[in-house]
C-alpha cells in the first residue's frame, strides 16, 4: 500500500502552481485543470496546523476533489473486481479513495511541486474525452510531460486520469489494487486504506 500511495499519488497526481483565474472560459477542460492545480497549490502541509489552516486546507481540498470524477476513477481502478462487490462496498471504496486524495495526494503534491515552470499544449479530443497536455520543468527531474484526461459531467469538466510521462495514474492504482486483491480480500484492502488515512492524523 505504501507504493500505491507514494508512486501513484505523490508522483502521478496533479501538481503545479497556476491560478484558476488565468482562463476566461470557466467551463473549459483547461480551466478545470487550472482550478484543480490552483486549489492544491494552496494546501499547507506541516506538522502542526492552526484551526484556520485546517479549515482552509479542507476548503481547498473539497474544491480540488470536486474536479476529480471520483466514481469513475474508483470503478476503473478496481477494474474487474468492481462488479464483484456490493453497492455498499463500492461506496465505501469510493469514499476511502476520495479521502486518500484529500489527505495524502493533495498535500504531498502541493509540497513536492511547489514551484515549477509549465507549458500548456493544445487540447486534444479523444472520443468522449479531452486531453489537456502539460509540460513541467523540475530542477531535479528535468522536463516532465503530464496529460490530464477529462470527461464532461452534467455541469463541468472533470479529471478521470492523469498520465505522467506515459504512465497512467489509474492503471498504476489498478495494478496495486490487483496485487492486494489477488492475495487477500476486499476487507484487507479497506483495512490498508484506512490504516494509511490514520497515519495522516
C-alpha atoms as a PDB file:
ATOM      1  CA  UNK A   1       0.000   0.000   0.000  1.00  0.00           C
ATOM      2  CA  UNK A   2       2.989   2.276   0.583  1.00  0.00           C
ATOM      3  CA  UNK A   3       3.981   2.034  -3.077  1.00  0.00           C
ATOM      4  CA  UNK A   4       0.393   2.683  -4.066  1.00  0.00           C
ATOM      5  CA  UNK A   5       0.396   5.989  -2.245  1.00  0.00           C
ATOM      6  CA  UNK A   6       3.912   7.244  -2.876  1.00  0.00           C
ATOM      7  CA  UNK A   7       4.080   6.310  -6.546  1.00  0.00           C
ATOM      8  CA  UNK A   8       0.544   6.547  -7.857  1.00  0.00           C
ATOM      9  CA  UNK A   9      -0.442   9.518  -5.735  1.00  0.00           C
ATOM     10  CA  UNK A  10       2.533  11.692  -4.892  1.00  0.00           C
ATOM     11  CA  UNK A  11       4.127  11.445  -8.314  1.00  0.00           C
ATOM     12  CA  UNK A  12       1.244  10.989 -10.708  1.00  0.00           C
ATOM     13  CA  UNK A  13      -1.147  13.410  -9.111  1.00  0.00           C
ATOM     14  CA  UNK A  14      -1.987  16.950 -10.148  1.00  0.00           C
ATOM     15  CA  UNK A  15       0.798  19.195  -9.371  1.00  0.00           C
ATOM     16  CA  UNK A  16       1.511  22.775 -10.363  1.00  0.00           C
ATOM     17  CA  UNK A  17       1.467  26.379  -9.422  1.00  0.00           C
ATOM     18  CA  UNK A  18      -1.192  28.057 -11.508  1.00  0.00           C
ATOM     19  CA  UNK A  19      -4.095  30.397 -10.938  1.00  0.00           C
ATOM     20  CA  UNK A  20      -7.576  29.343 -11.966  1.00  0.00           C
ATOM     21  CA  UNK A  21      -8.370  32.936 -12.872  1.00  0.00           C
ATOM     22  CA  UNK A  22      -5.978  32.784 -15.813  1.00  0.00           C
ATOM     23  CA  UNK A  23      -8.593  31.158 -18.055  1.00  0.00           C
ATOM     24  CA  UNK A  24     -11.570  33.296 -19.005  1.00  0.00           C
ATOM     25  CA  UNK A  25     -13.621  30.273 -20.116  1.00  0.00           C
ATOM     26  CA  UNK A  26     -14.631  28.774 -16.793  1.00  0.00           C
ATOM     27  CA  UNK A  27     -16.383  25.862 -18.499  1.00  0.00           C
ATOM     28  CA  UNK A  28     -13.384  24.632 -20.487  1.00  0.00           C
ATOM     29  CA  UNK A  29     -11.421  21.465 -19.623  1.00  0.00           C
ATOM     30  CA  UNK A  30      -8.219  23.512 -19.323  1.00  0.00           C
ATOM     31  CA  UNK A  31      -9.885  25.775 -16.766  1.00  0.00           C
ATOM     32  CA  UNK A  32     -10.839  22.694 -14.738  1.00  0.00           C
ATOM     33  CA  UNK A  33      -7.199  21.562 -14.660  1.00  0.00           C
ATOM     34  CA  UNK A  34      -6.059  25.037 -13.602  1.00  0.00           C
ATOM     35  CA  UNK A  35      -8.741  25.107 -10.917  1.00  0.00           C
ATOM     36  CA  UNK A  36      -7.578  21.749  -9.589  1.00  0.00           C
ATOM     37  CA  UNK A  37      -3.925  22.744  -9.512  1.00  0.00           C
ATOM     38  CA  UNK A  38      -4.653  26.198  -8.131  1.00  0.00           C
ATOM     39  CA  UNK A  39      -6.510  24.741  -5.157  1.00  0.00           C
ATOM     40  CA  UNK A  40      -3.873  22.067  -4.490  1.00  0.00           C
ATOM     41  CA  UNK A  41      -1.173  24.732  -4.510  1.00  0.00           C
ATOM     42  CA  UNK A  42      -2.817  26.486  -1.566  1.00  0.00           C
ATOM     43  CA  UNK A  43      -2.887  23.420   0.688  1.00  0.00           C
ATOM     44  CA  UNK A  44      -0.472  23.768   3.600  1.00  0.00           C
ATOM     45  CA  UNK A  45       1.423  20.703   4.833  1.00  0.00           C
ATOM     46  CA  UNK A  46       3.376  20.842   8.090  1.00  0.00           C
ATOM     47  CA  UNK A  47       3.489  19.043  11.420  1.00  0.00           C
ATOM     48  CA  UNK A  48       1.256  21.462  13.319  1.00  0.00           C
ATOM     49  CA  UNK A  49      -1.643  23.313  11.697  1.00  0.00           C
ATOM     50  CA  UNK A  50      -3.748  26.046  13.246  1.00  0.00           C
ATOM     51  CA  UNK A  51      -7.544  25.721  13.224  1.00  0.00           C
ATOM     52  CA  UNK A  52      -7.643  28.348  10.484  1.00  0.00           C
ATOM     53  CA  UNK A  53      -5.114  26.461   8.360  1.00  0.00           C
ATOM     54  CA  UNK A  54      -7.056  23.228   8.824  1.00  0.00           C
ATOM     55  CA  UNK A  55     -10.257  24.932   7.714  1.00  0.00           C
ATOM     56  CA  UNK A  56      -8.531  26.466   4.694  1.00  0.00           C
ATOM     57  CA  UNK A  57      -6.974  23.118   3.751  1.00  0.00           C
ATOM     58  CA  UNK A  58     -10.386  21.470   3.958  1.00  0.00           C
ATOM     59  CA  UNK A  59     -11.904  24.145   1.733  1.00  0.00           C
ATOM     60  CA  UNK A  60      -9.200  23.872  -0.932  1.00  0.00           C
ATOM     61  CA  UNK A  61      -9.234  20.064  -0.771  1.00  0.00           C
ATOM     62  CA  UNK A  62     -13.013  19.885  -1.217  1.00  0.00           C
ATOM     63  CA  UNK A  63     -12.851  22.119  -4.291  1.00  0.00           C
ATOM     64  CA  UNK A  64      -9.947  20.119  -5.746  1.00  0.00           C
ATOM     65  CA  UNK A  65     -11.770  16.852  -5.128  1.00  0.00           C
ATOM     66  CA  UNK A  66     -14.835  18.162  -6.950  1.00  0.00           C
ATOM     67  CA  UNK A  67     -12.728  18.419 -10.112  1.00  0.00           C
ATOM     68  CA  UNK A  68     -11.997  14.686  -9.980  1.00  0.00           C
ATOM     69  CA  UNK A  69     -14.555  12.215 -11.310  1.00  0.00           C
ATOM     70  CA  UNK A  70     -14.051  10.003  -8.260  1.00  0.00           C
ATOM     71  CA  UNK A  71     -16.839   7.491  -9.074  1.00  0.00           C
ATOM     72  CA  UNK A  72     -15.306   6.667 -12.465  1.00  0.00           C
ATOM     73  CA  UNK A  73     -11.733   6.681 -11.137  1.00  0.00           C
ATOM     74  CA  UNK A  74     -12.838   4.270  -8.409  1.00  0.00           C
ATOM     75  CA  UNK A  75     -14.591   1.903 -10.806  1.00  0.00           C
ATOM     76  CA  UNK A  76     -11.712   1.859 -13.281  1.00  0.00           C
ATOM     77  CA  UNK A  77      -9.134   1.457 -10.509  1.00  0.00           C
ATOM     78  CA  UNK A  78     -10.866  -1.690  -9.238  1.00  0.00           C
ATOM     79  CA  UNK A  79     -11.450  -2.909 -12.798  1.00  0.00           C
ATOM     80  CA  UNK A  80     -12.735  -6.482 -12.939  1.00  0.00           C
ATOM     81  CA  UNK A  81     -13.199  -6.512  -9.150  1.00  0.00           C
ATOM     82  CA  UNK A  82     -15.667  -3.611  -9.150  1.00  0.00           C
ATOM     83  CA  UNK A  83     -18.737  -5.636 -10.149  1.00  0.00           C
ATOM     84  CA  UNK A  84     -17.828  -8.408  -7.709  1.00  0.00           C
ATOM     85  CA  UNK A  85     -18.631  -6.211  -4.741  1.00  0.00           C
ATOM     86  CA  UNK A  86     -21.881  -4.856  -3.368  1.00  0.00           C
ATOM     87  CA  UNK A  87     -23.072  -1.302  -3.864  1.00  0.00           C
ATOM     88  CA  UNK A  88     -22.278  -0.620  -0.212  1.00  0.00           C
ATOM     89  CA  UNK A  89     -18.703  -1.859  -0.678  1.00  0.00           C
ATOM     90  CA  UNK A  90     -18.317   0.205  -3.850  1.00  0.00           C
ATOM     91  CA  UNK A  91     -19.426   3.341  -1.997  1.00  0.00           C
ATOM     92  CA  UNK A  92     -17.058   2.528   0.866  1.00  0.00           C
ATOM     93  CA  UNK A  93     -14.153   2.158  -1.542  1.00  0.00           C
ATOM     94  CA  UNK A  94     -15.062   5.358  -3.365  1.00  0.00           C
ATOM     95  CA  UNK A  95     -15.187   7.305  -0.099  1.00  0.00           C
ATOM     96  CA  UNK A  96     -11.833   5.914   1.032  1.00  0.00           C
ATOM     97  CA  UNK A  97     -10.180   6.695  -2.287  1.00  0.00           C
ATOM     98  CA  UNK A  98     -11.522  10.241  -2.184  1.00  0.00           C
ATOM     99  CA  UNK A  99     -10.193  10.656   1.362  1.00  0.00           C
ATOM    100  CA  UNK A 100      -6.773   9.409   0.256  1.00  0.00           C
ATOM    101  CA  UNK A 101      -6.718  12.045  -2.456  1.00  0.00           C
ATOM    102  CA  UNK A 102      -7.597  14.714   0.112  1.00  0.00           C
ATOM    103  CA  UNK A 103      -5.336  13.667   2.980  1.00  0.00           C
ATOM    104  CA  UNK A 104      -2.385  12.073   1.172  1.00  0.00           C
ATOM    105  CA  UNK A 105      -2.216  13.004  -2.500  1.00  0.00           C
ATOM    106  CA  UNK A 106      -3.109  16.682  -2.425  1.00  0.00           C
ATOM    107  CA  UNK A 107      -0.822  17.743   0.465  1.00  0.00           C
ATOM    108  CA  UNK A 108       2.127  15.748  -0.907  1.00  0.00           C
ATOM    109  CA  UNK A 109       1.624  17.153  -4.377  1.00  0.00           C
ATOM    110  CA  UNK A 110       1.352  20.720  -3.074  1.00  0.00           C
ATOM    111  CA  UNK A 111       4.652  20.433  -1.235  1.00  0.00           C
ATOM    112  CA  UNK A 112       6.646  18.496  -3.813  1.00  0.00           C
ATOM    113  CA  UNK A 113       5.575  20.540  -6.831  1.00  0.00           C
ATOM    114  CA  UNK A 114       5.523  23.939  -5.149  1.00  0.00           C
ATOM    115  CA  UNK A 115       7.399  25.873  -7.855  1.00  0.00           C
ATOM    116  CA  UNK A 116       7.554  24.559 -11.386  1.00  0.00           C
ATOM    117  CA  UNK A 117       7.733  26.149 -14.801  1.00  0.00           C
ATOM    118  CA  UNK A 118       4.967  24.846 -17.057  1.00  0.00           C
ATOM    119  CA  UNK A 119       3.692  24.988 -20.584  1.00  0.00           C
ATOM    120  CA  UNK A 120       0.172  24.013 -21.646  1.00  0.00           C
ATOM    121  CA  UNK A 121      -0.195  22.310 -25.007  1.00  0.00           C
ATOM    122  CA  UNK A 122      -3.180  22.284 -27.322  1.00  0.00           C
ATOM    123  CA  UNK A 123      -6.198  20.327 -26.051  1.00  0.00           C
ATOM    124  CA  UNK A 124      -6.959  17.145 -27.990  1.00  0.00           C
ATOM    125  CA  UNK A 125     -10.249  15.289 -28.277  1.00  0.00           C
ATOM    126  CA  UNK A 126     -10.270  11.504 -27.882  1.00  0.00           C
ATOM    127  CA  UNK A 127     -13.762  10.051 -28.316  1.00  0.00           C
ATOM    128  CA  UNK A 128     -15.744  11.314 -25.307  1.00  0.00           C
ATOM    129  CA  UNK A 129     -12.663  12.713 -23.571  1.00  0.00           C
ATOM    130  CA  UNK A 130     -10.458  15.786 -23.838  1.00  0.00           C
ATOM    131  CA  UNK A 131      -6.727  15.536 -23.300  1.00  0.00           C
ATOM    132  CA  UNK A 132      -5.027  18.543 -21.702  1.00  0.00           C
ATOM    133  CA  UNK A 133      -1.242  18.237 -22.211  1.00  0.00           C
ATOM    134  CA  UNK A 134       1.128  19.950 -19.832  1.00  0.00           C
ATOM    135  CA  UNK A 135       4.918  20.090 -19.741  1.00  0.00           C
ATOM    136  CA  UNK A 136       6.625  20.993 -16.480  1.00  0.00           C
ATOM    137  CA  UNK A 137      10.269  21.732 -15.730  1.00  0.00           C
ATOM    138  CA  UNK A 138      11.573  20.324 -12.449  1.00  0.00           C
ATOM    139  CA  UNK A 139      15.021  21.301 -11.191  1.00  0.00           C
ATOM    140  CA  UNK A 140      15.943  17.675 -10.445  1.00  0.00           C
ATOM    141  CA  UNK A 141      13.726  15.634 -12.766  1.00  0.00           C
ATOM    142  CA  UNK A 142      14.059  17.912 -15.779  1.00  0.00           C
ATOM    143  CA  UNK A 143      11.222  18.096 -18.307  1.00  0.00           C
ATOM    144  CA  UNK A 144       8.159  16.037 -17.427  1.00  0.00           C
ATOM    145  CA  UNK A 145       5.043  15.556 -19.559  1.00  0.00           C
ATOM    146  CA  UNK A 146       1.698  15.324 -17.776  1.00  0.00           C
ATOM    147  CA  UNK A 147      -1.560  14.677 -19.621  1.00  0.00           C
ATOM    148  CA  UNK A 148      -4.922  15.225 -17.936  1.00  0.00           C
ATOM    149  CA  UNK A 149      -7.757  13.127 -19.330  1.00  0.00           C
ATOM    150  CA  UNK A 150     -11.051  14.909 -18.873  1.00  0.00           C
ATOM    151  CA  UNK A 151     -14.724  13.993 -19.204  1.00  0.00           C
ATOM    152  CA  UNK A 152     -17.665  16.341 -19.147  1.00  0.00           C
ATOM    153  CA  UNK A 153     -20.172  15.857 -16.352  1.00  0.00           C
ATOM    154  CA  UNK A 154     -23.584  17.485 -16.174  1.00  0.00           C
ATOM    155  CA  UNK A 155     -22.056  20.877 -15.350  1.00  0.00           C
ATOM    156  CA  UNK A 156     -18.257  20.829 -15.645  1.00  0.00           C
ATOM    157  CA  UNK A 157     -15.219  19.008 -16.953  1.00  0.00           C
ATOM    158  CA  UNK A 158     -13.631  16.555 -14.529  1.00  0.00           C
ATOM    159  CA  UNK A 159     -10.362  14.619 -14.418  1.00  0.00           C
ATOM    160  CA  UNK A 160     -10.653  10.864 -14.960  1.00  0.00           C
ATOM    161  CA  UNK A 161      -6.955  10.053 -15.328  1.00  0.00           C
ATOM    162  CA  UNK A 162      -3.507  11.605 -15.240  1.00  0.00           C
ATOM    163  CA  UNK A 163      -0.705  10.351 -17.490  1.00  0.00           C
ATOM    164  CA  UNK A 164       2.796  11.081 -16.215  1.00  0.00           C
ATOM    165  CA  UNK A 165       5.486  10.501 -18.855  1.00  0.00           C
ATOM    166  CA  UNK A 166       3.282   7.845 -20.434  1.00  0.00           C
ATOM    167  CA  UNK A 167       2.311   6.159 -17.141  1.00  0.00           C
ATOM    168  CA  UNK A 168      -1.383   6.177 -16.206  1.00  0.00           C
ATOM    169  CA  UNK A 169      -2.288   7.021 -12.613  1.00  0.00           C
ATOM    170  CA  UNK A 170      -5.462   4.968 -12.935  1.00  0.00           C
ATOM    171  CA  UNK A 171      -3.652   1.929 -14.341  1.00  0.00           C
ATOM    172  CA  UNK A 172      -0.987   2.247 -11.669  1.00  0.00           C
ATOM    173  CA  UNK A 173      -3.653   2.258  -8.986  1.00  0.00           C
ATOM    174  CA  UNK A 174      -5.358  -0.743 -10.595  1.00  0.00           C
ATOM    175  CA  UNK A 175      -2.091  -2.690 -10.663  1.00  0.00           C
ATOM    176  CA  UNK A 176      -1.509  -2.036  -6.960  1.00  0.00           C
ATOM    177  CA  UNK A 177      -5.098  -2.911  -6.007  1.00  0.00           C
ATOM    178  CA  UNK A 178      -4.984  -6.120  -8.067  1.00  0.00           C
ATOM    179  CA  UNK A 179      -1.831  -7.268  -6.242  1.00  0.00           C
ATOM    180  CA  UNK A 180      -3.637  -6.913  -2.928  1.00  0.00           C
ATOM    181  CA  UNK A 181      -6.941  -8.442  -4.044  1.00  0.00           C
ATOM    182  CA  UNK A 182      -5.268 -11.477  -5.664  1.00  0.00           C
ATOM    183  CA  UNK A 183      -3.587 -12.396  -2.381  1.00  0.00           C
ATOM    184  CA  UNK A 184      -6.066 -11.032   0.140  1.00  0.00           C
ATOM    185  CA  UNK A 185      -9.679  -9.833   0.005  1.00  0.00           C
ATOM    186  CA  UNK A 186     -11.660  -6.612  -0.111  1.00  0.00           C
ATOM    187  CA  UNK A 187     -11.650  -6.289   3.692  1.00  0.00           C
ATOM    188  CA  UNK A 188      -7.862  -6.330   3.709  1.00  0.00           C
ATOM    189  CA  UNK A 189      -7.726  -3.671   1.001  1.00  0.00           C
ATOM    190  CA  UNK A 190     -10.082  -1.473   3.030  1.00  0.00           C
ATOM    191  CA  UNK A 191      -8.005  -2.086   6.154  1.00  0.00           C
ATOM    192  CA  UNK A 192      -4.848  -0.943   4.375  1.00  0.00           C
ATOM    193  CA  UNK A 193      -6.520   2.173   3.021  1.00  0.00           C
ATOM    194  CA  UNK A 194      -7.930   3.058   6.442  1.00  0.00           C
ATOM    195  CA  UNK A 195      -4.516   2.495   8.029  1.00  0.00           C
ATOM    196  CA  UNK A 196      -2.936   4.893   5.567  1.00  0.00           C
ATOM    197  CA  UNK A 197      -5.533   7.523   6.409  1.00  0.00           C
ATOM    198  CA  UNK A 198      -4.926   7.129  10.154  1.00  0.00           C
ATOM    199  CA  UNK A 199      -1.224   7.744   9.572  1.00  0.00           C
ATOM    200  CA  UNK A 200      -2.116  11.228   8.342  1.00  0.00           C
ATOM    201  CA  UNK A 201      -3.886  12.220  11.589  1.00  0.00           C
END
